[in-house]
Amino acid sequence: MMNDLSGILCVDKPLGMTSHDVVGRVRRVAGLRRVGHAGTLDPLATGVLLLALGRAARLIEYLVGHDKVYETTVRLGQTTATYDAEGNVLEERPFTHLILPQIEKALAQFRGNILQQPPLYSAIKQGG
């Protein structure tokens, strides 16, 4: 039996789940058919995922497109096939010669508005 629950639910998406997994779980637990999400987080990402339940699903357009803040942990000296922590390691190089200012300078390139080429394995929507 479906209910008429509606509203915005702010979920802390756990590591390992896709955004779709979270939506599916909320649908089952809440007994709802209509659950949408504003944005997508990759399975390796944790963080805020906004869900719109029931009649509130029409509000999703007002929840997307706002500024976001990302926090990261980096692993130095490795290149993987998928550009993330799950891919096969293709190359390992020493990094003990690097000093903190060099690392901070490299990380600064990822601050502000940047256009990135998404990796081959990502949650980016392609073709519909």
Protein backbone atom coordinates (compact mmCIF):
# COMPACT_ATOMS: atom_id res chain seq x y z
CA MET A 1 0.00 0.00 0.00
CA MET A 2 1.46 3.34 -1.04
CA ASN A 3 1.18 6.38 1.22
CA ASP A 4 0.98 10.11 0.59
CA LEU A 5 4.21 11.04 2.37
CA SER A 6 5.96 13.95 0.67
CA GLY A 7 8.82 16.31 1.40
CA ILE A 8 12.54 16.84 1.04
CA LEU A 9 14.84 14.34 2.74
CA CYS A 10 18.51 15.14 3.29
CA VAL A 11 20.52 11.89 3.28
CA ASP A 12 24.19 11.37 4.16
CA LYS A 13 24.98 8.91 1.36
CA PRO A 14 27.33 6.21 2.61
CA LEU A 15 30.43 4.93 0.85
CA GLY A 16 29.74 2.14 -1.61
CA MET A 17 26.12 2.94 -2.43
CA THR A 18 25.03 4.62 -5.63
CA SER A 19 22.52 7.45 -5.55
CA HIS A 20 20.09 5.03 -7.20
CA ASP A 21 20.66 2.51 -4.37
CA VAL A 22 19.71 5.18 -1.82
CA VAL A 23 16.56 6.10 -3.76
CA GLY A 24 15.57 2.43 -3.96
CA ARG A 25 16.03 1.91 -0.25
CA VAL A 26 13.98 5.00 0.61
CA ARG A 27 11.23 3.85 -1.78
CA ARG A 28 11.03 0.47 -0.03
CA VAL A 29 11.24 1.81 3.54
CA ALA A 30 8.80 4.69 2.99
CA GLY A 31 6.45 2.73 0.73
CA LEU A 32 6.69 5.35 -2.00
CA ARG A 33 6.89 5.08 -5.76
CA ARG A 34 7.84 8.68 -6.39
CA VAL A 35 11.31 9.45 -5.02
CA GLY A 36 13.83 11.52 -6.96
CA HIS A 37 17.27 12.86 -6.20
CA ALA A 38 18.85 16.24 -6.88
CA GLY A 39 22.30 15.40 -8.21
CA THR A 40 24.34 12.23 -8.18
CA LEU A 41 27.23 11.03 -6.07
CA ASP A 42 29.59 8.30 -7.24
CA PRO A 43 29.70 5.13 -5.12
CA LEU A 44 33.11 6.17 -3.72
CA ALA A 45 31.73 9.54 -2.60
CA THR A 46 29.99 10.20 0.68
CA GLY A 47 27.93 13.26 1.40
CA VAL A 48 24.64 15.07 1.17
CA LEU A 49 22.10 13.69 -1.28
CA LEU A 50 18.81 15.57 -1.45
CA LEU A 51 15.77 13.37 -2.08
CA ALA A 52 12.34 14.63 -3.04
CA LEU A 53 9.51 12.38 -1.89
CA GLY A 54 6.02 12.13 -3.31
CA ARG A 55 4.48 15.43 -4.42
CA ALA A 56 7.72 17.25 -3.54
CA ALA A 57 9.44 15.56 -6.51
CA ARG A 58 8.31 18.50 -8.65
CA LEU A 59 10.60 20.73 -6.57
CA ILE A 60 13.83 19.01 -7.66
CA GLU A 61 14.50 21.66 -10.30
CA TYR A 62 14.89 24.20 -7.46
CA LEU A 63 17.40 22.02 -5.61
CA VAL A 64 19.97 21.56 -8.38
CA GLY A 65 22.53 23.98 -9.79
CA HIS A 66 23.64 25.53 -6.52
CA ASP A 67 27.21 25.90 -5.24
CA LYS A 68 28.80 22.78 -3.82
CA VAL A 69 31.80 22.16 -1.61
CA TYR A 70 33.93 19.06 -1.95
CA GLU A 71 36.46 17.62 0.47
CA THR A 72 38.94 14.99 -0.62
CA THR A 73 41.63 12.63 0.52
CA VAL A 74 44.41 12.03 -1.97
CA ARG A 75 46.83 9.17 -2.40
CA LEU A 76 50.17 10.32 -3.76
CA GLY A 77 52.39 8.29 -6.06
CA GLN A 78 49.82 6.06 -7.73
CA THR A 79 48.02 6.05 -11.06
CA THR A 80 45.04 3.74 -11.48
CA ALA A 81 43.13 2.57 -14.55
CA THR A 82 39.94 4.28 -13.32
CA TYR A 83 41.52 7.41 -11.77
CA ASP A 84 40.04 6.44 -8.40
CA ALA A 85 40.90 4.25 -5.41
CA GLU A 86 39.17 1.15 -6.81
CA GLY A 87 41.03 0.81 -10.10
CA ASN A 88 44.01 -1.41 -10.79
CA VAL A 89 47.27 0.37 -10.02
CA LEU A 90 49.08 1.06 -13.29
CA GLU A 91 52.06 2.95 -11.92
CA GLU A 92 53.68 3.69 -8.58
CA ARG A 93 56.23 6.44 -8.17
CA PRO A 94 58.08 7.79 -5.16
CA PHE A 95 56.76 11.02 -3.68
CA THR A 96 58.89 11.49 -0.57
CA HIS A 97 60.83 14.26 -2.35
CA LEU A 98 57.70 16.45 -2.43
CA ILE A 99 57.31 19.14 0.18
CA LEU A 100 54.01 20.46 1.53
CA PRO A 101 54.05 23.75 -0.44
CA GLN A 102 54.39 21.78 -3.69
CA ILE A 103 51.43 19.57 -2.78
CA GLU A 104 49.34 22.57 -1.75
CA LYS A 105 50.16 24.30 -5.04
CA ALA A 106 49.04 21.25 -7.02
CA LEU A 107 45.82 20.94 -5.01
CA ALA A 108 45.06 24.65 -5.55
CA GLN A 109 44.39 23.81 -9.21
CA PHE A 110 41.23 22.02 -8.03
CA ARG A 111 39.75 25.04 -6.22
CA GLY A 112 37.18 27.37 -7.70
CA ASN A 113 35.16 26.80 -10.84
CA ILE A 114 36.89 24.21 -12.98
CA LEU A 115 35.86 22.12 -15.94
CA GLN A 116 37.03 18.54 -15.56
CA GLN A 117 37.04 15.70 -18.04
CA PRO A 118 35.08 12.95 -16.28
CA PRO A 119 36.92 9.65 -15.90
CA LEU A 120 35.83 6.66 -17.96
CA TYR A 121 34.13 5.20 -14.88
CA SER A 122 31.82 7.82 -13.38
CA ALA A 123 28.18 8.51 -12.57
CA ILE A 124 27.90 11.08 -15.34
CA LYS A 125 24.68 10.85 -17.34
CA GLN A 126 25.28 10.12 -21.03
CA GLY A 127 22.73 9.96 -23.79
CA GLY A 128 19.57 10.18 -21.69
